[in-house]
Amino acid sequence: MKLHTERLTLAPLCTDHFETTCLYSMDPENTKMMCFLPCDDRNEVMDYLIKSDRQWKMDVPEYLDVAVLLDGEHIGAVSIEFLEDHSVGELGWIIRKDHWGKGYALESAKVFMDYCAKRFHIRHFIAHCDSENNASMRVMEKLGMNIAKRYQGRKNRNSEEISEESLYEIFM
């Protein structure tokens, strides 16, 4: 599976992307508003990539991750977790910080969302972010998502503080 946009290629995230995944997933600045990142070490990154690769081989995956490639260079990832008997897809994304602000998260999330809607018949998409993550909230809004809920209790892995979380959704 490969998806293409005008500037990007999306391909299944796998162990071939190990070194470049380490660049963003182990960087505290790149992951400061994320619940499950930064990864503690390279073994954690490899374990995740092995699991991600396995998901692509399943008839009914629990989640899927795609590598975001710019001119063949791996600069981030987009993911979907299948919820509620595969009727809801929770989207997520991460772009390496030296590529922030160029629209790559939106571009890759949009094409992956369209792919998942067609392949898995997902009609309800959600996404969460820290309520201070204005960049991710803008991506969600540009995807056509609307704010559904804000609530306390978000614990980002890189912080001791409890913050507010925003939940966005769209029905297609």
N, C-alpha and C. Protein backbone atom coordinates (compact mmCIF):
# COMPACT_ATOMS: atom_id res chain seq x y z
N MET A 1 0.84 -1.17 0.00
CA MET A 1 0.00 0.00 0.00
C MET A 1 0.89 1.23 0.00
N LYS A 2 0.65 2.11 -0.94
CA LYS A 2 1.29 3.42 -0.96
C LYS A 2 0.24 4.43 -1.37
N LEU A 3 0.24 5.54 -0.67
CA LEU A 3 -0.67 6.65 -0.98
C LEU A 3 0.19 7.84 -1.37
N HIS A 4 -0.33 8.65 -2.27
CA HIS A 4 0.44 9.80 -2.75
C HIS A 4 -0.40 11.07 -2.68
N THR A 5 0.26 12.14 -2.31
CA THR A 5 -0.32 13.47 -2.42
C THR A 5 0.58 14.23 -3.39
N GLU A 6 0.32 15.49 -3.55
CA GLU A 6 1.17 16.29 -4.44
C GLU A 6 2.63 16.30 -3.97
N ARG A 7 2.84 16.31 -2.64
CA ARG A 7 4.20 16.42 -2.10
C ARG A 7 4.69 15.19 -1.35
N LEU A 8 3.78 14.33 -0.92
CA LEU A 8 4.14 13.27 0.02
C LEU A 8 3.78 11.89 -0.49
N THR A 9 4.46 10.90 0.08
CA THR A 9 4.10 9.50 -0.10
C THR A 9 3.88 8.92 1.29
N LEU A 10 2.84 8.11 1.42
CA LEU A 10 2.57 7.40 2.67
C LEU A 10 2.71 5.92 2.40
N ALA A 11 3.46 5.24 3.26
CA ALA A 11 3.70 3.81 3.13
C ALA A 11 3.65 3.19 4.52
N PRO A 12 3.35 1.91 4.63
CA PRO A 12 3.28 1.28 5.95
C PRO A 12 4.55 1.53 6.77
N LEU A 13 4.36 1.95 8.01
CA LEU A 13 5.47 2.16 8.93
C LEU A 13 6.00 0.80 9.37
N CYS A 14 7.30 0.61 9.26
CA CYS A 14 7.89 -0.69 9.59
C CYS A 14 9.32 -0.50 10.09
N THR A 15 10.00 -1.59 10.33
CA THR A 15 11.35 -1.53 10.88
C THR A 15 12.35 -0.86 9.94
N ASP A 16 12.02 -0.75 8.67
CA ASP A 16 12.89 -0.01 7.74
C ASP A 16 13.01 1.45 8.13
N HIS A 17 12.05 1.93 8.91
CA HIS A 17 12.02 3.34 9.32
C HIS A 17 12.59 3.55 10.73
N PHE A 18 13.37 2.61 11.20
CA PHE A 18 13.83 2.64 12.59
C PHE A 18 14.61 3.91 12.93
N GLU A 19 15.68 4.18 12.22
CA GLU A 19 16.53 5.33 12.58
C GLU A 19 15.77 6.64 12.51
N THR A 20 14.97 6.81 11.48
CA THR A 20 14.24 8.06 11.32
C THR A 20 13.08 8.18 12.31
N THR A 21 12.50 7.06 12.71
CA THR A 21 11.47 7.11 13.76
C THR A 21 12.09 7.53 15.08
N CYS A 22 13.29 7.05 15.36
CA CYS A 22 13.99 7.46 16.59
C CYS A 22 14.18 8.97 16.64
N LEU A 23 14.42 9.59 15.50
CA LEU A 23 14.67 11.03 15.47
C LEU A 23 13.53 11.84 16.06
N TYR A 24 12.29 11.47 15.75
CA TYR A 24 11.18 12.25 16.29
C TYR A 24 10.55 11.62 17.53
N SER A 25 10.54 10.30 17.62
CA SER A 25 9.81 9.67 18.74
C SER A 25 10.59 9.69 20.05
N MET A 26 11.89 9.95 20.00
CA MET A 26 12.69 10.03 21.22
C MET A 26 13.04 11.47 21.59
N ASP A 27 12.58 12.42 20.81
CA ASP A 27 12.91 13.84 21.02
C ASP A 27 11.88 14.48 21.95
N PRO A 28 12.28 14.89 23.16
CA PRO A 28 11.33 15.47 24.11
C PRO A 28 10.61 16.72 23.58
N GLU A 29 11.30 17.55 22.81
CA GLU A 29 10.66 18.74 22.26
C GLU A 29 9.61 18.37 21.21
N ASN A 30 9.94 17.41 20.38
CA ASN A 30 9.04 16.98 19.30
C ASN A 30 7.78 16.31 19.86
N THR A 31 7.87 15.77 21.06
CA THR A 31 6.79 14.96 21.62
C THR A 31 6.19 15.54 22.90
N LYS A 32 6.48 16.80 23.20
CA LYS A 32 6.13 17.35 24.51
C LYS A 32 4.63 17.35 24.82
N MET A 33 3.78 17.31 23.82
CA MET A 33 2.33 17.32 24.07
C MET A 33 1.68 15.99 23.71
N MET A 34 2.43 14.90 23.84
CA MET A 34 1.92 13.59 23.45
C MET A 34 1.84 12.66 24.66
N CYS A 35 0.78 11.86 24.71
CA CYS A 35 0.55 10.96 25.84
C CYS A 35 1.51 9.78 25.89
N PHE A 36 1.87 9.22 24.74
CA PHE A 36 2.64 7.98 24.73
C PHE A 36 4.08 8.16 24.26
N LEU A 37 4.50 9.37 24.04
CA LEU A 37 5.86 9.66 23.63
C LEU A 37 6.42 10.74 24.53
N PRO A 38 7.72 10.88 24.69
CA PRO A 38 8.78 10.26 23.91
C PRO A 38 9.07 8.82 24.35
N CYS A 39 9.59 8.06 23.41
CA CYS A 39 10.04 6.70 23.74
C CYS A 39 11.25 6.81 24.66
N ASP A 40 11.37 5.86 25.56
CA ASP A 40 12.46 5.88 26.52
C ASP A 40 13.80 5.49 25.91
N ASP A 41 13.77 4.58 24.95
CA ASP A 41 15.02 4.11 24.37
C ASP A 41 14.76 3.51 22.98
N ARG A 42 15.83 3.14 22.31
CA ARG A 42 15.73 2.60 20.95
C ARG A 42 15.00 1.26 20.92
N ASN A 43 15.09 0.48 22.00
CA ASN A 43 14.38 -0.80 22.05
C ASN A 43 12.86 -0.58 22.01
N GLU A 44 12.39 0.44 22.71
CA GLU A 44 10.96 0.74 22.69
C GLU A 44 10.51 1.12 21.28
N VAL A 45 11.33 1.88 20.57
CA VAL A 45 11.01 2.25 19.19
C VAL A 45 10.94 1.00 18.32
N MET A 46 11.94 0.14 18.41
CA MET A 46 11.96 -1.08 17.59
C MET A 46 10.77 -1.98 17.90
N ASP A 47 10.45 -2.15 19.17
CA ASP A 47 9.31 -2.98 19.55
C ASP A 47 8.02 -2.45 18.91
N TYR A 48 7.86 -1.13 18.95
CA TYR A 48 6.66 -0.54 18.36
C TYR A 48 6.62 -0.77 16.84
N LEU A 49 7.75 -0.59 16.18
CA LEU A 49 7.79 -0.78 14.72
C LEU A 49 7.51 -2.23 14.33
N ILE A 50 7.97 -3.16 15.11
CA ILE A 50 7.69 -4.58 14.84
C ILE A 50 6.18 -4.83 14.97
N LYS A 51 5.57 -4.28 16.01
CA LYS A 51 4.12 -4.43 16.20
C LYS A 51 3.35 -3.74 15.07
N SER A 52 3.81 -2.58 14.67
CA SER A 52 3.16 -1.85 13.58
C SER A 52 3.21 -2.64 12.28
N ASP A 53 4.36 -3.22 12.00
CA ASP A 53 4.52 -4.02 10.80
C ASP A 53 3.56 -5.22 10.81
N ARG A 54 3.40 -5.85 11.98
CA ARG A 54 2.49 -6.99 12.11
C ARG A 54 1.04 -6.60 11.83
N GLN A 55 0.66 -5.41 12.27
CA GLN A 55 -0.72 -4.96 12.08
C GLN A 55 -1.09 -4.90 10.59
N TRP A 56 -0.13 -4.50 9.76
CA TRP A 56 -0.40 -4.40 8.32
C TRP A 56 -0.65 -5.77 7.70
N LYS A 57 -0.21 -6.83 8.35
CA LYS A 57 -0.38 -8.18 7.82
C LYS A 57 -1.66 -8.85 8.31
N MET A 58 -2.40 -8.20 9.20
CA MET A 58 -3.62 -8.76 9.76
C MET A 58 -4.82 -8.43 8.88
N ASP A 59 -5.77 -9.36 8.83
CA ASP A 59 -7.02 -9.11 8.10
C ASP A 59 -7.84 -8.01 8.78
N VAL A 60 -7.84 -8.03 10.11
CA VAL A 60 -8.58 -7.04 10.88
C VAL A 60 -7.61 -6.41 11.89
N PRO A 61 -6.89 -5.39 11.46
CA PRO A 61 -5.91 -4.77 12.36
C PRO A 61 -6.59 -3.98 13.48
N GLU A 62 -5.85 -3.81 14.59
CA GLU A 62 -6.32 -2.97 15.69
C GLU A 62 -5.99 -1.51 15.41
N TYR A 63 -4.88 -1.29 14.72
CA TYR A 63 -4.43 0.05 14.37
C TYR A 63 -3.50 -0.07 13.16
N LEU A 64 -3.28 1.05 12.50
CA LEU A 64 -2.33 1.10 11.39
C LEU A 64 -1.55 2.40 11.47
N ASP A 65 -0.28 2.31 11.13
CA ASP A 65 0.60 3.48 11.07
C ASP A 65 1.20 3.58 9.68
N VAL A 66 1.27 4.79 9.16
CA VAL A 66 1.96 5.01 7.90
C VAL A 66 3.10 5.99 8.11
N ALA A 67 4.19 5.73 7.41
CA ALA A 67 5.31 6.65 7.39
C ALA A 67 4.99 7.77 6.41
N VAL A 68 5.28 8.98 6.78
CA VAL A 68 5.12 10.14 5.90
C VAL A 68 6.48 10.41 5.27
N LEU A 69 6.53 10.32 3.94
CA LEU A 69 7.79 10.47 3.20
C LEU A 69 7.74 11.71 2.33
N LEU A 70 8.76 12.54 2.43
CA LEU A 70 8.93 13.73 1.61
C LEU A 70 10.16 13.52 0.74
N ASP A 71 9.95 13.39 -0.56
CA ASP A 71 11.06 13.07 -1.48
C ASP A 71 11.84 11.85 -1.00
N GLY A 72 11.11 10.85 -0.48
CA GLY A 72 11.72 9.61 -0.02
C GLY A 72 12.27 9.67 1.40
N GLU A 73 12.29 10.84 2.01
CA GLU A 73 12.79 11.00 3.39
C GLU A 73 11.64 10.86 4.38
N HIS A 74 11.81 10.00 5.37
CA HIS A 74 10.80 9.76 6.39
C HIS A 74 10.80 10.93 7.38
N ILE A 75 9.67 11.68 7.41
CA ILE A 75 9.60 12.88 8.26
C ILE A 75 8.52 12.80 9.34
N GLY A 76 7.80 11.69 9.40
CA GLY A 76 6.75 11.59 10.41
C GLY A 76 5.87 10.39 10.17
N ALA A 77 4.73 10.39 10.86
CA ALA A 77 3.80 9.26 10.76
C ALA A 77 2.38 9.73 11.02
N VAL A 78 1.45 8.98 10.46
CA VAL A 78 0.02 9.16 10.74
C VAL A 78 -0.50 7.79 11.15
N SER A 79 -1.42 7.79 12.11
CA SER A 79 -1.94 6.52 12.61
C SER A 79 -3.46 6.56 12.70
N ILE A 80 -4.03 5.38 12.73
CA ILE A 80 -5.44 5.22 13.04
C ILE A 80 -5.58 4.03 13.96
N GLU A 81 -6.35 4.22 15.02
CA GLU A 81 -6.71 3.11 15.90
C GLU A 81 -8.19 2.86 15.68
N PHE A 82 -8.54 1.60 15.47
CA PHE A 82 -9.92 1.23 15.20
C PHE A 82 -10.63 0.98 16.53
N LEU A 83 -11.74 1.68 16.75
CA LEU A 83 -12.49 1.61 17.99
C LEU A 83 -13.91 1.14 17.72
N GLU A 84 -14.60 0.71 18.78
CA GLU A 84 -16.02 0.37 18.72
C GLU A 84 -16.34 -0.54 17.53
N ASP A 85 -15.73 -1.72 17.55
CA ASP A 85 -15.97 -2.71 16.49
C ASP A 85 -15.65 -2.17 15.10
N HIS A 86 -14.62 -1.38 15.01
CA HIS A 86 -14.14 -0.81 13.74
C HIS A 86 -15.11 0.19 13.11
N SER A 87 -15.99 0.77 13.90
CA SER A 87 -16.89 1.78 13.34
C SER A 87 -16.36 3.20 13.53
N VAL A 88 -15.37 3.36 14.39
CA VAL A 88 -14.77 4.66 14.67
C VAL A 88 -13.26 4.54 14.48
N GLY A 89 -12.67 5.55 13.88
CA GLY A 89 -11.23 5.59 13.72
C GLY A 89 -10.65 6.79 14.44
N GLU A 90 -9.69 6.52 15.33
CA GLU A 90 -9.02 7.61 16.04
C GLU A 90 -7.71 7.92 15.33
N LEU A 91 -7.60 9.12 14.80
CA LEU A 91 -6.42 9.55 14.06
C LEU A 91 -5.39 10.17 14.98
N GLY A 92 -4.14 10.05 14.58
CA GLY A 92 -3.03 10.71 15.26
C GLY A 92 -1.94 10.99 14.25
N TRP A 93 -1.06 11.90 14.57
CA TRP A 93 0.04 12.23 13.66
C TRP A 93 1.19 12.82 14.43
N ILE A 94 2.35 12.71 13.84
CA ILE A 94 3.55 13.35 14.35
C ILE A 94 4.43 13.67 13.15
N ILE A 95 4.95 14.87 13.15
CA ILE A 95 5.87 15.31 12.10
C ILE A 95 7.14 15.78 12.79
N ARG A 96 8.27 15.39 12.23
CA ARG A 96 9.56 15.81 12.79
C ARG A 96 9.62 17.34 12.86
N LYS A 97 10.12 17.85 13.97
CA LYS A 97 10.03 19.29 14.26
C LYS A 97 10.68 20.18 13.21
N ASP A 98 11.67 19.69 12.48
CA ASP A 98 12.28 20.53 11.44
C ASP A 98 11.39 20.63 10.20
N HIS A 99 10.23 19.98 10.23
CA HIS A 99 9.26 20.07 9.14
C HIS A 99 7.90 20.61 9.60
N TRP A 100 7.84 21.15 10.82
CA TRP A 100 6.61 21.73 11.33
C TRP A 100 6.22 22.97 10.52
N GLY A 101 4.93 23.24 10.47
CA GLY A 101 4.44 24.47 9.87
C GLY A 101 4.37 24.47 8.35
N LYS A 102 4.51 23.34 7.72
CA LYS A 102 4.51 23.27 6.26
C LYS A 102 3.28 22.54 5.70
N GLY A 103 2.36 22.17 6.57
CA GLY A 103 1.12 21.53 6.13
C GLY A 103 1.20 20.03 5.91
N TYR A 104 2.31 19.41 6.31
CA TYR A 104 2.48 17.98 6.05
C TYR A 104 1.54 17.11 6.90
N ALA A 105 1.28 17.53 8.13
CA ALA A 105 0.36 16.75 8.98
C ALA A 105 -1.03 16.73 8.36
N LEU A 106 -1.52 17.89 7.96
CA LEU A 106 -2.84 17.97 7.34
C LEU A 106 -2.89 17.16 6.05
N GLU A 107 -1.93 17.34 5.19
CA GLU A 107 -1.91 16.67 3.89
C GLU A 107 -1.89 15.15 4.05
N SER A 108 -1.05 14.66 4.95
CA SER A 108 -0.96 13.21 5.13
C SER A 108 -2.16 12.65 5.89
N ALA A 109 -2.66 13.37 6.88
CA ALA A 109 -3.84 12.90 7.63
C ALA A 109 -5.06 12.83 6.72
N LYS A 110 -5.22 13.81 5.84
CA LYS A 110 -6.38 13.83 4.94
C LYS A 110 -6.38 12.63 4.01
N VAL A 111 -5.26 12.33 3.37
CA VAL A 111 -5.22 11.21 2.42
C VAL A 111 -5.36 9.87 3.16
N PHE A 112 -4.80 9.77 4.37
CA PHE A 112 -4.93 8.53 5.13
C PHE A 112 -6.37 8.35 5.63
N MET A 113 -7.00 9.43 6.04
CA MET A 113 -8.39 9.38 6.47
C MET A 113 -9.26 8.91 5.30
N ASP A 114 -9.05 9.44 4.12
CA ASP A 114 -9.82 9.03 2.93
C ASP A 114 -9.60 7.54 2.63
N TYR A 115 -8.36 7.10 2.73
CA TYR A 115 -8.03 5.69 2.50
C TYR A 115 -8.79 4.79 3.49
N CYS A 116 -8.75 5.16 4.78
CA CYS A 116 -9.42 4.35 5.82
C CYS A 116 -10.94 4.38 5.65
N ALA A 117 -11.48 5.49 5.21
CA ALA A 117 -12.92 5.56 4.97
C ALA A 117 -13.32 4.59 3.87
N LYS A 118 -12.52 4.53 2.82
CA LYS A 118 -12.83 3.63 1.70
C LYS A 118 -12.54 2.17 2.03
N ARG A 119 -11.36 1.88 2.57
CA ARG A 119 -10.96 0.49 2.79
C ARG A 119 -11.71 -0.15 3.96
N PHE A 120 -11.92 0.61 5.04
CA PHE A 120 -12.51 0.04 6.25
C PHE A 120 -13.93 0.55 6.53
N HIS A 121 -14.44 1.37 5.64
CA HIS A 121 -15.80 1.91 5.75
C HIS A 121 -16.01 2.71 7.05
N ILE A 122 -14.97 3.40 7.47
CA ILE A 122 -15.04 4.26 8.66
C ILE A 122 -15.79 5.53 8.26
N ARG A 123 -16.76 5.90 9.04
CA ARG A 123 -17.53 7.13 8.78
C ARG A 123 -17.43 8.11 9.94
N HIS A 124 -16.90 7.66 11.06
CA HIS A 124 -16.76 8.51 12.24
C HIS A 124 -15.29 8.52 12.64
N PHE A 125 -14.67 9.68 12.53
CA PHE A 125 -13.27 9.85 12.91
C PHE A 125 -13.19 10.78 14.10
N ILE A 126 -12.27 10.46 15.00
CA ILE A 126 -12.00 11.32 16.15
C ILE A 126 -10.50 11.57 16.23
N ALA A 127 -10.14 12.59 16.98
CA ALA A 127 -8.74 12.87 17.28
C ALA A 127 -8.69 13.65 18.59
N HIS A 128 -7.66 13.39 19.35
CA HIS A 128 -7.45 14.05 20.64
C HIS A 128 -6.15 14.85 20.59
N CYS A 129 -6.09 15.89 21.39
CA CYS A 129 -4.81 16.58 21.58
C CYS A 129 -4.86 17.38 22.88
N ASP A 130 -3.70 17.74 23.34
CA ASP A 130 -3.58 18.65 24.46
C ASP A 130 -4.24 19.96 24.04
N SER A 131 -5.03 20.56 24.91
CA SER A 131 -5.75 21.78 24.56
C SER A 131 -4.83 22.96 24.30
N GLU A 132 -3.56 22.82 24.60
CA GLU A 132 -2.59 23.88 24.27
C GLU A 132 -1.87 23.61 22.95
N ASN A 133 -2.19 22.51 22.30
CA ASN A 133 -1.54 22.16 21.04
C ASN A 133 -2.32 22.78 19.88
N ASN A 134 -2.08 24.08 19.70
CA ASN A 134 -2.82 24.83 18.68
C ASN A 134 -2.59 24.30 17.27
N ALA A 135 -1.39 23.81 16.98
CA ALA A 135 -1.10 23.30 15.64
C ALA A 135 -1.97 22.07 15.33
N SER A 136 -2.08 21.14 16.28
CA SER A 136 -2.91 19.96 16.05
C SER A 136 -4.39 20.33 15.98
N MET A 137 -4.82 21.28 16.78
CA MET A 137 -6.22 21.70 16.71
C MET A 137 -6.52 22.31 15.34
N ARG A 138 -5.59 23.07 14.78
CA ARG A 138 -5.80 23.63 13.43
C ARG A 138 -5.88 22.52 12.39
N VAL A 139 -5.05 21.48 12.52
CA VAL A 139 -5.12 20.35 11.59
C VAL A 139 -6.50 19.71 11.67
N MET A 140 -6.99 19.47 12.88
CA MET A 140 -8.29 18.84 13.05
C MET A 140 -9.39 19.69 12.42
N GLU A 141 -9.34 20.99 12.64
CA GLU A 141 -10.35 21.87 12.07
C GLU A 141 -10.28 21.88 10.55
N LYS A 142 -9.08 21.89 9.99
CA LYS A 142 -8.93 21.88 8.53
C LYS A 142 -9.34 20.53 7.93
N LEU A 143 -9.33 19.48 8.73
CA LEU A 143 -9.84 18.18 8.28
C LEU A 143 -11.37 18.15 8.29
N GLY A 144 -11.97 19.22 8.80
CA GLY A 144 -13.43 19.30 8.88
C GLY A 144 -13.98 18.83 10.21
N MET A 145 -13.09 18.55 11.15
CA MET A 145 -13.52 18.09 12.47
C MET A 145 -14.02 19.26 13.31
N ASN A 146 -14.92 18.94 14.22
CA ASN A 146 -15.44 19.93 15.16
C ASN A 146 -15.11 19.51 16.57
N ILE A 147 -14.96 20.49 17.43
CA ILE A 147 -14.70 20.19 18.84
C ILE A 147 -15.94 19.50 19.42
N ALA A 148 -15.71 18.37 20.05
CA ALA A 148 -16.81 17.61 20.65
C ALA A 148 -16.81 17.75 22.16
N LYS A 149 -15.60 17.90 22.73
CA LYS A 149 -15.51 17.89 24.19
C LYS A 149 -14.14 18.39 24.62
N ARG A 150 -14.11 19.04 25.75
CA ARG A 150 -12.86 19.39 26.43
C ARG A 150 -12.99 18.92 27.86
N TYR A 151 -11.91 18.35 28.37
CA TYR A 151 -11.98 17.83 29.73
C TYR A 151 -10.59 17.76 30.33
N GLN A 152 -10.54 17.79 31.65
CA GLN A 152 -9.29 17.67 32.40
C GLN A 152 -8.88 16.21 32.48
N GLY A 153 -7.62 15.98 32.76
CA GLY A 153 -7.16 14.63 33.02
C GLY A 153 -6.14 14.10 32.04
N ARG A 154 -5.70 14.92 31.10
CA ARG A 154 -4.69 14.46 30.15
C ARG A 154 -3.32 14.45 30.82
N LYS A 155 -2.62 13.35 30.67
CA LYS A 155 -1.27 13.22 31.22
C LYS A 155 -0.31 12.95 30.06
N ASN A 156 0.45 13.97 29.72
CA ASN A 156 1.46 13.81 28.69
C ASN A 156 2.67 13.11 29.30
N ARG A 157 3.24 12.18 28.56
CA ARG A 157 4.31 11.34 29.09
C ARG A 157 5.52 12.15 29.54
N ASN A 158 5.75 13.28 28.91
CA ASN A 158 6.93 14.08 29.17
C ASN A 158 6.69 15.15 30.24
N SER A 159 5.58 15.07 30.96
CA SER A 159 5.23 16.11 31.92
C SER A 159 4.62 15.49 33.17
N GLU A 160 4.82 16.15 34.27
CA GLU A 160 4.19 15.73 35.53
C GLU A 160 2.82 16.36 35.69
N GLU A 161 2.52 17.39 34.90
CA GLU A 161 1.27 18.12 35.02
C GLU A 161 0.11 17.37 34.36
N ILE A 162 -1.06 17.61 34.90
CA ILE A 162 -2.29 17.14 34.28
C ILE A 162 -2.85 18.33 33.50
N SER A 163 -3.16 18.12 32.24
CA SER A 163 -3.63 19.22 31.40
C SER A 163 -5.03 18.93 30.88
N GLU A 164 -5.52 19.85 30.08
CA GLU A 164 -6.84 19.70 29.48
C GLU A 164 -6.69 19.05 28.10
N GLU A 165 -7.65 18.21 27.75
CA GLU A 165 -7.63 17.53 26.47
C GLU A 165 -8.80 18.00 25.62
N SER A 166 -8.56 18.11 24.32
CA SER A 166 -9.62 18.44 23.36
C SER A 166 -9.89 17.23 22.51
N LEU A 167 -11.17 16.91 22.34
CA LEU A 167 -11.61 15.82 21.46
C LEU A 167 -12.35 16.44 20.29
N TYR A 168 -11.91 16.09 19.10
CA TYR A 168 -12.54 16.55 17.86
C TYR A 168 -13.13 15.33 17.16
N GLU A 169 -14.14 15.57 16.31
CA GLU A 169 -14.74 14.47 15.56
C GLU A 169 -15.35 14.96 14.26
N ILE A 170 -15.54 14.02 13.36
CA ILE A 170 -16.24 14.28 12.11
C ILE A 170 -16.98 13.00 11.72
N PHE A 171 -18.18 13.19 11.19
CA PHE A 171 -18.96 12.09 10.62
C PHE A 171 -18.97 12.32 9.12
N MET A 172 -18.61 11.30 8.36
CA MET A 172 -18.53 11.45 6.91
C MET A 172 -19.67 10.70 6.24
